[in-house]
C-alpha atoms as a PDB file:
ATOM      1  CA  UNK A   1      41.404 109.936 109.117  1.00  0.00           C
ATOM      2  CA  UNK A   2      42.309 108.169 112.297  1.00  0.00           C
ATOM      3  CA  UNK A   3      45.571 106.207 112.258  1.00  0.00           C
ATOM      4  CA  UNK A   4      46.859 103.729 114.798  1.00  0.00           C
ATOM      5  CA  UNK A   5      50.608 103.610 115.368  1.00  0.00           C
ATOM      6  CA  UNK A   6      52.665 100.924 117.079  1.00  0.00           C
ATOM      7  CA  UNK A   7      55.417 102.105 119.411  1.00  0.00           C
ATOM      8  CA  UNK A   8      58.701 100.351 120.092  1.00  0.00           C
ATOM      9  CA  UNK A   9      61.481 100.491 122.701  1.00  0.00           C
ATOM     10  CA  UNK A  10      61.982 103.902 124.367  1.00  0.00           C
ATOM     11  CA  UNK A  11      58.861 105.295 122.674  1.00  0.00           C
ATOM     12  CA  UNK A  12      56.707 102.604 124.267  1.00  0.00           C
ATOM     13  CA  UNK A  13      58.312 103.318 127.630  1.00  0.00           C
ATOM     14  CA  UNK A  14      57.884 107.089 127.311  1.00  0.00           C
ATOM     15  CA  UNK A  15      54.196 106.779 126.419  1.00  0.00           C
ATOM     16  CA  UNK A  16      53.528 103.749 128.661  1.00  0.00           C
ATOM     17  CA  UNK A  17      51.588 102.198 125.808  1.00  0.00           C
ATOM     18  CA  UNK A  18      52.175  99.890 122.845  1.00  0.00           C
ATOM     19  CA  UNK A  19      49.931 101.906 120.507  1.00  0.00           C
ATOM     20  CA  UNK A  20      48.659 105.422 120.010  1.00  0.00           C
ATOM     21  CA  UNK A  21      45.939 106.850 117.793  1.00  0.00           C
ATOM     22  CA  UNK A  22      46.222 110.149 115.932  1.00  0.00           C
ATOM     23  CA  UNK A  23      43.681 112.032 113.818  1.00  0.00           C
ATOM     24  CA  UNK A  24      45.134 113.500 110.596  1.00  0.00           C
ATOM     25  CA  UNK A  25      43.447 114.828 107.456  1.00  0.00           C
ATOM     26  CA  UNK A  26      43.180 112.537 104.405  1.00  0.00           C
ATOM     27  CA  UNK A  27      46.273 112.915 102.243  1.00  0.00           C
ATOM     28  CA  UNK A  28      48.570 113.770 105.164  1.00  0.00           C
ATOM     29  CA  UNK A  29      52.268 113.087 104.900  1.00  0.00           C
ATOM     30  CA  UNK A  30      54.568 111.469 107.440  1.00  0.00           C
ATOM     31  CA  UNK A  31      55.870 114.952 108.308  1.00  0.00           C
ATOM     32  CA  UNK A  32      52.315 116.063 109.140  1.00  0.00           C
ATOM     33  CA  UNK A  33      51.818 112.878 111.146  1.00  0.00           C
ATOM     34  CA  UNK A  34      54.904 113.721 113.222  1.00  0.00           C
ATOM     35  CA  UNK A  35      53.384 117.135 114.028  1.00  0.00           C
ATOM     36  CA  UNK A  36      50.112 115.514 115.041  1.00  0.00           C
ATOM     37  CA  UNK A  37      51.903 113.028 117.282  1.00  0.00           C
ATOM     38  CA  UNK A  38      53.935 115.772 118.968  1.00  0.00           C
ATOM     39  CA  UNK A  39      50.773 117.760 119.655  1.00  0.00           C
ATOM     40  CA  UNK A  40      48.681 114.845 120.911  1.00  0.00           C
ATOM     41  CA  UNK A  41      51.454 113.013 122.785  1.00  0.00           C
ATOM     42  CA  UNK A  42      53.984 115.508 124.211  1.00  0.00           C
ATOM     43  CA  UNK A  43      55.994 112.723 125.898  1.00  0.00           C
ATOM     44  CA  UNK A  44      56.968 111.472 122.419  1.00  0.00           C
ATOM     45  CA  UNK A  45      57.899 114.869 120.958  1.00  0.00           C
ATOM     46  CA  UNK A  46      61.594 114.802 122.009  1.00  0.00           C
ATOM     47  CA  UNK A  47      62.129 111.520 120.167  1.00  0.00           C
ATOM     48  CA  UNK A  48      60.370 112.216 116.877  1.00  0.00           C
ATOM     49  CA  UNK A  49      63.230 113.866 114.962  1.00  0.00           C
ATOM     50  CA  UNK A  50      65.369 110.723 115.279  1.00  0.00           C
ATOM     51  CA  UNK A  51      62.519 108.239 114.862  1.00  0.00           C
ATOM     52  CA  UNK A  52      61.862 106.313 111.642  1.00  0.00           C
ATOM     53  CA  UNK A  53      58.311 105.760 110.456  1.00  0.00           C
ATOM     54  CA  UNK A  54      57.283 102.481 108.893  1.00  0.00           C
ATOM     55  CA  UNK A  55      54.135 102.129 106.784  1.00  0.00           C
ATOM     56  CA  UNK A  56      53.010  98.723 105.548  1.00  0.00           C
ATOM     57  CA  UNK A  57      56.247  97.183 106.903  1.00  0.00           C
ATOM     58  CA  UNK A  58      58.563  99.567 104.987  1.00  0.00           C
ATOM     59  CA  UNK A  59      60.453 102.625 106.203  1.00  0.00           C
ATOM     60  CA  UNK A  60      59.026 105.712 104.517  1.00  0.00           C
ATOM     61  CA  UNK A  61      60.317 109.295 104.086  1.00  0.00           C
ATOM     62  CA  UNK A  62      58.623 112.390 105.496  1.00  0.00           C
ATOM     63  CA  UNK A  63      57.020 113.207 102.123  1.00  0.00           C
ATOM     64  CA  UNK A  64      55.249 109.808 101.961  1.00  0.00           C
ATOM     65  CA  UNK A  65      51.460 110.245 101.797  1.00  0.00           C
ATOM     66  CA  UNK A  66      49.651 108.129 104.373  1.00  0.00           C
ATOM     67  CA  UNK A  67      46.967 105.623 103.436  1.00  0.00           C
ATOM     68  CA  UNK A  68      44.381 104.848 106.103  1.00  0.00           C
ATOM     69  CA  UNK A  69      44.808 101.099 105.739  1.00  0.00           C
ATOM     70  CA  UNK A  70      48.609 101.169 106.259  1.00  0.00           C
ATOM     71  CA  UNK A  71      49.955  99.607 109.430  1.00  0.00           C
ATOM     72  CA  UNK A  72      52.147 102.345 110.947  1.00  0.00           C
ATOM     73  CA  UNK A  73      55.010 102.043 113.411  1.00  0.00           C
ATOM     74  CA  UNK A  74      57.498 104.402 115.039  1.00  0.00           C
ATOM     75  CA  UNK A  75      60.974 102.903 115.270  1.00  0.00           C
ATOM     76  CA  UNK A  76      63.540 104.706 117.437  1.00  0.00           C
ATOM     77  CA  UNK A  77      67.246 104.575 116.644  1.00  0.00           C
ATOM     78  CA  UNK A  78      68.935 101.373 117.748  1.00  0.00           C
ATOM     79  CA  UNK A  79      72.503 100.657 118.711  1.00  0.00           C
ATOM     80  CA  UNK A  80      74.368  97.489 119.152  1.00  0.00           C
ATOM     81  CA  UNK A  81      77.661  95.832 118.756  1.00  0.00           C
END
């Protein structure tokens, strides 16, 4: 299945794009999605370990199974005061 992912902050800057598209098999998990992103978009690979994944507006763990209709986003760590 093809999934579209929104990028934020440093991820958007690293990729020079607001969105990316990745092809993953049906039933893939977030962990498998991370591998697919790293392979297809090497500029994002250094950030993926610290990046949260949101599906359908909720943060999801690496074992979460993706659904093709979910809106996906990669959220990098944020800091503030």
